[in-house]
Amino acid sequence: MYQTNGYSTYKNNSVTYASREQLLLMLVDGAVKFVKIGRQGIVDNDVKKSHEALVRTQDIFSELMVTLDKKAGEWAINMYKVYEFINSELMKANIKKDLKILDAVIPLIEEVRSTWYQANEIAKRQGSKSKEVM
């Protein structure tokens, strides 16, 4: 069956051909998006919506934990601990449908996203400088 929706085709291709760095940024963007949907689901008393969105956010952080190279040094171990903490808090918030927990963890998730965007920008600048030297 052919996809007739151009946006779906574009989205599929953007994931299929994305670099590792781009995929990471897509994941952290998704985490921010889904945790906010989960929060809104709790506000709206929509248990299914909140549960599904918070589980998707947990899945993202589980994936980040699995793919993190802990041999990369202390920063990687610390990031793993942050991801683990976020996942634990998301699980508690999902079980209890607790806005206070989510309101505490959302800024941390946004900070993780900001950190990865900054790291990506630094890597791009360093990459372009090394190309100039060549």
N, C-alpha and C. Protein backbone atom coordinates (compact mmCIF):
# COMPACT_ATOMS: atom_id res chain seq x y z
N MET A 1 0.84 -1.17 0.00
CA MET A 1 0.00 0.00 0.00
C MET A 1 0.89 1.24 0.00
N TYR A 2 0.58 2.20 -0.84
CA TYR A 2 1.37 3.40 -0.98
C TYR A 2 0.91 4.47 0.00
N GLN A 3 1.88 5.22 0.50
CA GLN A 3 1.55 6.34 1.36
C GLN A 3 1.15 7.52 0.48
N THR A 4 -0.01 8.05 0.73
CA THR A 4 -0.46 9.19 -0.07
C THR A 4 -0.20 10.50 0.65
N ASN A 5 0.08 10.43 1.93
CA ASN A 5 0.32 11.62 2.70
C ASN A 5 1.78 12.01 2.57
N GLY A 6 2.06 13.15 1.96
CA GLY A 6 3.43 13.62 1.77
C GLY A 6 4.17 13.84 3.06
N TYR A 7 3.47 14.32 4.08
CA TYR A 7 4.11 14.55 5.36
C TYR A 7 4.60 13.25 5.97
N SER A 8 3.79 12.20 5.88
CA SER A 8 4.19 10.90 6.42
C SER A 8 5.43 10.38 5.71
N THR A 9 5.47 10.55 4.40
CA THR A 9 6.64 10.12 3.63
C THR A 9 7.87 10.90 4.05
N TYR A 10 7.71 12.23 4.18
CA TYR A 10 8.83 13.07 4.60
C TYR A 10 9.33 12.67 5.99
N LYS A 11 8.40 12.47 6.91
CA LYS A 11 8.75 12.11 8.28
C LYS A 11 9.48 10.76 8.31
N ASN A 12 8.97 9.80 7.57
CA ASN A 12 9.60 8.48 7.50
C ASN A 12 11.02 8.60 6.94
N ASN A 13 11.18 9.36 5.86
CA ASN A 13 12.50 9.53 5.26
C ASN A 13 13.46 10.27 6.19
N SER A 14 12.94 11.26 6.92
CA SER A 14 13.82 12.02 7.80
C SER A 14 14.37 11.14 8.92
N VAL A 15 13.59 10.18 9.39
CA VAL A 15 14.07 9.26 10.41
C VAL A 15 15.00 8.22 9.78
N THR A 16 14.63 7.71 8.63
CA THR A 16 15.42 6.67 7.97
C THR A 16 16.83 7.15 7.63
N TYR A 17 16.95 8.40 7.19
CA TYR A 17 18.23 8.91 6.73
C TYR A 17 18.91 9.84 7.72
N ALA A 18 18.39 9.93 8.92
CA ALA A 18 18.97 10.82 9.93
C ALA A 18 20.27 10.25 10.47
N SER A 19 21.15 11.17 10.83
CA SER A 19 22.40 10.76 11.48
C SER A 19 22.10 10.36 12.92
N ARG A 20 23.06 9.78 13.57
CA ARG A 20 22.90 9.38 14.97
C ARG A 20 22.56 10.60 15.83
N GLU A 21 23.24 11.70 15.57
CA GLU A 21 23.01 12.93 16.32
C GLU A 21 21.59 13.46 16.09
N GLN A 22 21.15 13.43 14.85
CA GLN A 22 19.80 13.90 14.53
C GLN A 22 18.75 13.02 15.19
N LEU A 23 18.98 11.72 15.22
CA LEU A 23 18.04 10.81 15.89
C LEU A 23 17.97 11.10 17.39
N LEU A 24 19.10 11.35 17.99
CA LEU A 24 19.13 11.69 19.40
C LEU A 24 18.31 12.95 19.67
N LEU A 25 18.49 13.97 18.83
CA LEU A 25 17.74 15.21 19.00
C LEU A 25 16.24 14.98 18.79
N MET A 26 15.89 14.13 17.84
CA MET A 26 14.47 13.79 17.63
C MET A 26 13.89 13.10 18.86
N LEU A 27 14.68 12.22 19.46
CA LEU A 27 14.23 11.52 20.66
C LEU A 27 13.98 12.49 21.81
N VAL A 28 14.93 13.38 22.07
CA VAL A 28 14.74 14.29 23.20
C VAL A 28 13.63 15.29 22.93
N ASP A 29 13.45 15.68 21.67
CA ASP A 29 12.29 16.52 21.32
C ASP A 29 10.99 15.77 21.59
N GLY A 30 10.97 14.50 21.21
CA GLY A 30 9.79 13.67 21.45
C GLY A 30 9.50 13.52 22.93
N ALA A 31 10.55 13.39 23.74
CA ALA A 31 10.37 13.25 25.19
C ALA A 31 9.67 14.48 25.75
N VAL A 32 10.12 15.66 25.33
CA VAL A 32 9.49 16.89 25.81
C VAL A 32 8.03 16.96 25.36
N LYS A 33 7.80 16.63 24.12
CA LYS A 33 6.44 16.66 23.57
C LYS A 33 5.52 15.69 24.31
N PHE A 34 5.95 14.46 24.48
CA PHE A 34 5.08 13.45 25.08
C PHE A 34 4.86 13.67 26.58
N VAL A 35 5.88 14.17 27.30
CA VAL A 35 5.66 14.41 28.72
C VAL A 35 4.63 15.53 28.91
N LYS A 36 4.63 16.51 28.01
CA LYS A 36 3.65 17.60 28.11
C LYS A 36 2.25 17.11 27.73
N ILE A 37 2.18 16.20 26.77
CA ILE A 37 0.88 15.60 26.44
C ILE A 37 0.38 14.79 27.63
N GLY A 38 1.29 14.05 28.26
CA GLY A 38 0.93 13.27 29.44
C GLY A 38 0.43 14.16 30.57
N ARG A 39 1.09 15.28 30.76
CA ARG A 39 0.66 16.22 31.80
C ARG A 39 -0.74 16.74 31.49
N GLN A 40 -0.95 17.12 30.23
CA GLN A 40 -2.27 17.63 29.85
C GLN A 40 -3.34 16.56 30.01
N GLY A 41 -2.99 15.32 29.74
CA GLY A 41 -3.93 14.22 29.94
C GLY A 41 -4.37 14.11 31.39
N ILE A 42 -3.44 14.32 32.31
CA ILE A 42 -3.80 14.30 33.73
C ILE A 42 -4.71 15.48 34.05
N VAL A 43 -4.37 16.66 33.55
CA VAL A 43 -5.21 17.85 33.77
C VAL A 43 -6.62 17.61 33.26
N ASP A 44 -6.72 16.97 32.08
CA ASP A 44 -8.02 16.72 31.45
C ASP A 44 -8.72 15.48 32.02
N ASN A 45 -8.07 14.82 32.97
CA ASN A 45 -8.58 13.58 33.55
C ASN A 45 -8.78 12.50 32.48
N ASP A 46 -7.89 12.50 31.50
CA ASP A 46 -7.90 11.51 30.43
C ASP A 46 -6.80 10.49 30.75
N VAL A 47 -7.18 9.46 31.47
CA VAL A 47 -6.21 8.48 31.97
C VAL A 47 -5.48 7.79 30.82
N LYS A 48 -6.20 7.42 29.78
CA LYS A 48 -5.57 6.73 28.65
C LYS A 48 -4.54 7.62 27.97
N LYS A 49 -4.91 8.86 27.69
CA LYS A 49 -4.01 9.80 27.03
C LYS A 49 -2.75 10.02 27.87
N SER A 50 -2.93 10.27 29.16
CA SER A 50 -1.77 10.53 30.01
C SER A 50 -0.89 9.29 30.11
N HIS A 51 -1.49 8.14 30.29
CA HIS A 51 -0.72 6.90 30.41
C HIS A 51 0.11 6.64 29.14
N GLU A 52 -0.54 6.71 27.99
CA GLU A 52 0.16 6.42 26.73
C GLU A 52 1.32 7.40 26.49
N ALA A 53 1.08 8.68 26.76
CA ALA A 53 2.13 9.67 26.53
C ALA A 53 3.29 9.51 27.51
N LEU A 54 2.96 9.24 28.77
CA LEU A 54 4.03 9.06 29.75
C LEU A 54 4.82 7.78 29.50
N VAL A 55 4.16 6.74 29.05
CA VAL A 55 4.88 5.50 28.70
C VAL A 55 5.80 5.76 27.50
N ARG A 56 5.33 6.53 26.55
CA ARG A 56 6.20 6.85 25.39
C ARG A 56 7.44 7.63 25.85
N THR A 57 7.24 8.54 26.80
CA THR A 57 8.37 9.30 27.34
C THR A 57 9.33 8.36 28.06
N GLN A 58 8.79 7.45 28.86
CA GLN A 58 9.62 6.46 29.55
C GLN A 58 10.38 5.61 28.54
N ASP A 59 9.71 5.21 27.48
CA ASP A 59 10.36 4.41 26.44
C ASP A 59 11.54 5.16 25.82
N ILE A 60 11.37 6.45 25.62
CA ILE A 60 12.46 7.25 25.05
C ILE A 60 13.65 7.25 25.99
N PHE A 61 13.40 7.48 27.28
CA PHE A 61 14.52 7.50 28.22
C PHE A 61 15.13 6.12 28.42
N SER A 62 14.32 5.09 28.31
CA SER A 62 14.88 3.73 28.36
C SER A 62 15.81 3.51 27.18
N GLU A 63 15.41 3.96 26.02
CA GLU A 63 16.24 3.83 24.82
C GLU A 63 17.53 4.64 24.97
N LEU A 64 17.42 5.85 25.51
CA LEU A 64 18.61 6.66 25.73
C LEU A 64 19.57 5.96 26.71
N MET A 65 19.01 5.32 27.73
CA MET A 65 19.83 4.60 28.70
C MET A 65 20.55 3.42 28.05
N VAL A 66 19.84 2.68 27.22
CA VAL A 66 20.41 1.49 26.58
C VAL A 66 21.52 1.86 25.60
N THR A 67 21.34 2.95 24.89
CA THR A 67 22.29 3.31 23.84
C THR A 67 23.44 4.17 24.33
N LEU A 68 23.39 4.61 25.59
CA LEU A 68 24.45 5.44 26.13
C LEU A 68 25.72 4.61 26.32
N ASP A 69 26.82 5.10 25.80
CA ASP A 69 28.10 4.41 25.93
C ASP A 69 28.72 4.77 27.27
N LYS A 70 28.56 3.89 28.26
CA LYS A 70 29.04 4.18 29.61
C LYS A 70 30.58 4.14 29.69
N LYS A 71 31.21 3.66 28.65
CA LYS A 71 32.68 3.65 28.61
C LYS A 71 33.23 5.02 28.21
N ALA A 72 32.33 5.94 27.85
CA ALA A 72 32.76 7.26 27.38
C ALA A 72 33.21 8.18 28.51
N GLY A 73 33.12 7.72 29.73
CA GLY A 73 33.62 8.52 30.84
C GLY A 73 32.56 8.81 31.89
N GLU A 74 32.97 9.61 32.84
CA GLU A 74 32.11 9.92 33.98
C GLU A 74 30.84 10.66 33.57
N TRP A 75 30.95 11.52 32.55
CA TRP A 75 29.76 12.26 32.12
C TRP A 75 28.67 11.30 31.64
N ALA A 76 29.08 10.21 30.98
CA ALA A 76 28.11 9.23 30.48
C ALA A 76 27.43 8.51 31.63
N ILE A 77 28.19 8.20 32.65
CA ILE A 77 27.62 7.55 33.84
C ILE A 77 26.64 8.50 34.52
N ASN A 78 27.01 9.77 34.59
CA ASN A 78 26.12 10.77 35.19
C ASN A 78 24.85 10.95 34.36
N MET A 79 24.98 10.95 33.04
CA MET A 79 23.79 11.07 32.19
C MET A 79 22.88 9.87 32.39
N TYR A 80 23.47 8.70 32.52
CA TYR A 80 22.69 7.49 32.77
C TYR A 80 21.89 7.65 34.06
N LYS A 81 22.51 8.16 35.09
CA LYS A 81 21.82 8.37 36.36
C LYS A 81 20.68 9.37 36.22
N VAL A 82 20.90 10.41 35.44
CA VAL A 82 19.84 11.40 35.20
C VAL A 82 18.67 10.74 34.46
N TYR A 83 18.98 9.98 33.41
CA TYR A 83 17.93 9.28 32.66
C TYR A 83 17.16 8.32 33.57
N GLU A 84 17.90 7.61 34.42
CA GLU A 84 17.30 6.65 35.33
C GLU A 84 16.35 7.37 36.31
N PHE A 85 16.79 8.50 36.83
CA PHE A 85 15.97 9.29 37.74
C PHE A 85 14.70 9.78 37.04
N ILE A 86 14.87 10.30 35.83
CA ILE A 86 13.71 10.79 35.06
C ILE A 86 12.72 9.65 34.85
N ASN A 87 13.22 8.50 34.44
CA ASN A 87 12.34 7.35 34.19
C ASN A 87 11.59 6.95 35.45
N SER A 88 12.28 6.94 36.57
CA SER A 88 11.65 6.59 37.83
C SER A 88 10.56 7.59 38.20
N GLU A 89 10.84 8.86 38.02
CA GLU A 89 9.85 9.90 38.33
C GLU A 89 8.64 9.82 37.39
N LEU A 90 8.90 9.53 36.12
CA LEU A 90 7.81 9.38 35.16
C LEU A 90 6.91 8.21 35.55
N MET A 91 7.53 7.13 36.00
CA MET A 91 6.76 5.97 36.41
C MET A 91 5.87 6.32 37.61
N LYS A 92 6.44 7.01 38.60
CA LYS A 92 5.67 7.42 39.77
C LYS A 92 4.52 8.34 39.37
N ALA A 93 4.83 9.32 38.52
CA ALA A 93 3.81 10.28 38.09
C ALA A 93 2.70 9.57 37.33
N ASN A 94 3.06 8.58 36.53
CA ASN A 94 2.06 7.85 35.75
C ASN A 94 1.17 7.01 36.65
N ILE A 95 1.76 6.34 37.61
CA ILE A 95 0.98 5.50 38.53
C ILE A 95 0.04 6.35 39.38
N LYS A 96 0.57 7.45 39.91
CA LYS A 96 -0.21 8.29 40.82
C LYS A 96 -1.02 9.37 40.11
N LYS A 97 -0.73 9.57 38.80
CA LYS A 97 -1.32 10.68 38.04
C LYS A 97 -1.08 11.99 38.79
N ASP A 98 0.18 12.21 39.13
CA ASP A 98 0.61 13.29 40.00
C ASP A 98 1.25 14.44 39.21
N LEU A 99 0.58 15.58 39.17
CA LEU A 99 1.09 16.75 38.46
C LEU A 99 2.33 17.33 39.12
N LYS A 100 2.43 17.25 40.44
CA LYS A 100 3.59 17.81 41.13
C LYS A 100 4.87 17.11 40.69
N ILE A 101 4.81 15.81 40.56
CA ILE A 101 6.00 15.06 40.11
C ILE A 101 6.35 15.49 38.68
N LEU A 102 5.34 15.57 37.83
CA LEU A 102 5.61 15.97 36.44
C LEU A 102 6.14 17.40 36.36
N ASP A 103 5.57 18.29 37.16
CA ASP A 103 6.03 19.68 37.14
C ASP A 103 7.48 19.80 37.61
N ALA A 104 7.93 18.86 38.42
CA ALA A 104 9.32 18.85 38.85
C ALA A 104 10.24 18.23 37.81
N VAL A 105 9.74 17.25 37.06
CA VAL A 105 10.61 16.51 36.12
C VAL A 105 10.62 17.15 34.72
N ILE A 106 9.58 17.86 34.34
CA ILE A 106 9.55 18.47 32.99
C ILE A 106 10.74 19.41 32.77
N PRO A 107 11.07 20.31 33.72
CA PRO A 107 12.25 21.17 33.48
C PRO A 107 13.54 20.36 33.32
N LEU A 108 13.65 19.25 34.01
CA LEU A 108 14.83 18.40 33.87
C LEU A 108 14.89 17.79 32.47
N ILE A 109 13.75 17.35 31.97
CA ILE A 109 13.70 16.79 30.61
C ILE A 109 14.05 17.88 29.59
N GLU A 110 13.53 19.08 29.81
CA GLU A 110 13.87 20.19 28.90
C GLU A 110 15.35 20.53 28.98
N GLU A 111 15.94 20.40 30.15
CA GLU A 111 17.37 20.65 30.31
C GLU A 111 18.20 19.60 29.58
N VAL A 112 17.75 18.34 29.62
CA VAL A 112 18.43 17.28 28.87
C VAL A 112 18.39 17.61 27.38
N ARG A 113 17.22 18.03 26.90
CA ARG A 113 17.11 18.41 25.49
C ARG A 113 18.05 19.56 25.18
N SER A 114 18.07 20.57 26.01
CA SER A 114 18.93 21.73 25.80
C SER A 114 20.41 21.33 25.79
N THR A 115 20.78 20.45 26.68
CA THR A 115 22.16 19.98 26.76
C THR A 115 22.59 19.29 25.46
N TRP A 116 21.71 18.41 24.95
CA TRP A 116 22.06 17.70 23.72
C TRP A 116 22.10 18.63 22.52
N TYR A 117 21.23 19.65 22.48
CA TYR A 117 21.28 20.62 21.39
C TYR A 117 22.58 21.43 21.46
N GLN A 118 22.98 21.83 22.66
CA GLN A 118 24.23 22.57 22.82
C GLN A 118 25.43 21.71 22.42
N ALA A 119 25.41 20.45 22.84
CA ALA A 119 26.51 19.54 22.47
C ALA A 119 26.59 19.36 20.96
N ASN A 120 25.43 19.26 20.33
CA ASN A 120 25.39 19.11 18.87
C ASN A 120 25.96 20.35 18.18
N GLU A 121 25.63 21.53 18.68
CA GLU A 121 26.15 22.77 18.09
C GLU A 121 27.67 22.87 18.25
N ILE A 122 28.16 22.49 19.43
CA ILE A 122 29.60 22.51 19.67
C ILE A 122 30.30 21.53 18.74
N ALA A 123 29.73 20.34 18.58
CA ALA A 123 30.33 19.33 17.69
C ALA A 123 30.34 19.83 16.25
N LYS A 124 29.28 20.50 15.84
CA LYS A 124 29.24 21.05 14.47
C LYS A 124 30.34 22.08 14.28
N ARG A 125 30.49 22.98 15.25
CA ARG A 125 31.53 24.02 15.13
C ARG A 125 32.91 23.40 15.11
N GLN A 126 33.15 22.41 15.95
CA GLN A 126 34.46 21.76 15.98
C GLN A 126 34.70 20.99 14.69
N GLY A 127 33.65 20.40 14.15
CA GLY A 127 33.77 19.67 12.89
C GLY A 127 34.11 20.60 11.74
N SER A 128 33.49 21.78 11.71
CA SER A 128 33.76 22.72 10.62
C SER A 128 35.15 23.32 10.78
N LYS A 129 35.63 23.49 12.01
CA LYS A 129 36.99 24.01 12.22
C LYS A 129 38.02 22.99 11.77
N SER A 130 37.77 21.71 12.04
CA SER A 130 38.74 20.69 11.63
C SER A 130 38.78 20.56 10.11
N LYS A 131 37.65 20.82 9.43
CA LYS A 131 37.62 20.78 7.97
C LYS A 131 38.40 21.96 7.40
N GLU A 132 38.34 23.12 8.10
CA GLU A 132 39.07 24.30 7.63
C GLU A 132 40.57 24.07 7.71
N VAL A 133 41.02 23.33 8.69
CA VAL A 133 42.44 23.05 8.89
C VAL A 133 42.96 22.16 7.78
N MET A 134 42.12 21.27 7.30
CA MET A 134 42.54 20.32 6.27
C MET A 134 42.76 21.01 5.00
